[in-house]
Protein backbone atom coordinates (compact mmCIF):
# COMPACT_ATOMS: atom_id res chain seq x y z
CA MET A 1 81.44 135.86 90.03
CA ALA A 2 78.25 134.62 91.55
CA LEU A 3 78.14 132.96 94.95
CA ALA A 4 77.25 129.57 93.45
CA GLU A 5 80.25 129.70 91.11
CA THR A 6 82.58 130.63 93.98
CA THR A 7 81.35 127.69 96.06
CA THR A 8 81.89 125.30 93.14
CA VAL A 9 85.43 126.54 92.56
CA LEU A 10 86.33 126.20 96.25
CA ALA A 11 85.01 122.63 96.38
CA GLU A 12 87.04 121.71 93.30
CA VAL A 13 90.26 123.16 94.71
CA THR A 14 89.77 121.31 98.00
CA GLY A 15 89.54 117.97 96.18
CA ASN A 16 92.70 118.63 94.18
CA VAL A 17 94.66 119.76 97.22
CA ALA A 18 93.60 116.66 99.15
CA THR A 19 94.74 114.37 96.35
CA ILE A 20 98.12 116.10 96.15
CA GLY A 21 98.44 115.92 99.94
CA TYR A 22 97.85 112.18 100.00
CA GLY A 23 100.35 111.74 97.18
CA LEU A 24 102.93 113.68 99.15
CA ALA A 25 102.17 111.53 102.20
CA VAL A 26 103.70 108.57 100.36
CA ILE A 27 107.07 110.34 100.24
CA GLY A 28 107.56 109.83 103.99
CA PRO A 29 107.51 106.03 103.87
CA GLY A 30 109.84 106.15 100.86
CA ILE A 31 112.38 108.12 102.85
CA GLY A 32 111.84 105.80 105.81
CA LEU A 33 112.57 102.75 103.67
CA GLY A 34 115.78 104.29 102.41
CA ILE A 35 116.99 105.02 105.93
CA LEU A 36 115.90 101.60 107.23
CA ILE A 37 117.58 99.59 104.50
CA GLY A 38 120.71 101.76 104.54
CA LYS A 39 121.20 101.40 108.27
CA THR A 40 120.65 97.64 108.06
CA ILE A 41 123.32 97.30 105.38
CA GLU A 42 125.63 99.45 107.50
CA GLY A 43 125.00 97.21 110.52
CA ILE A 44 125.65 94.04 108.51
CA ALA A 45 128.90 95.52 107.19
CA ARG A 46 130.04 96.30 110.74
CA GLN A 47 129.01 92.97 112.28
CA PRO A 48 128.42 90.24 109.69
CA GLU A 49 127.69 87.64 112.37
CA VAL A 50 124.34 89.25 113.22
CA ALA A 51 123.20 89.55 109.59
CA GLY A 52 120.29 87.14 110.09
CA GLN A 53 118.88 89.01 113.06
CA LEU A 54 119.26 92.38 111.37
CA ARG A 55 117.65 91.11 108.17
CA THR A 56 114.65 89.74 110.06
CA THR A 57 114.16 92.97 111.96
CA MET A 58 114.53 94.95 108.72
CA PHE A 59 111.76 92.95 107.02
CA ILE A 60 109.41 93.52 109.96
CA GLY A 61 110.16 97.25 109.80
CA ILE A 62 109.62 97.29 106.03
CA GLY A 63 106.19 95.76 106.57
CA PHE A 64 105.18 98.53 108.96
CA VAL A 65 106.52 101.29 106.71
CA GLU A 66 104.80 99.85 103.63
CA VAL A 67 101.47 99.77 105.48
CA LEU A 68 101.77 103.53 106.05
CA GLY A 69 102.48 104.11 102.36
CA LEU A 70 99.55 101.97 101.26
CA LEU A 71 97.21 103.74 103.68
CA GLY A 72 98.19 107.09 102.19
CA LEU A 73 97.67 105.79 98.66
CA ILE A 74 94.30 104.16 99.38
CA THR A 75 93.03 107.21 101.26
CA GLY A 76 93.80 109.31 98.18
CA PHE A 77 91.53 107.09 96.09
CA LEU A 78 88.70 107.08 98.66
CA TYR A 79 88.27 110.87 98.85
């Protein structure tokens, strides 16, 4: 293999690995959403009188977690 061919192959592998890495980065927010929603439901089941407060806090948390997922997805398209 010539040096030019080796350089081309390495550049191609780097691009593929980066795309897979950004795709895997979206798994974290997915797990975070599952934990967040599950714990909120658990809290509402234990104390139904604070359901409104828990629901509001959950939606704020969902917004932050979704932003992380969207950043990972958009970054995968940019590079």
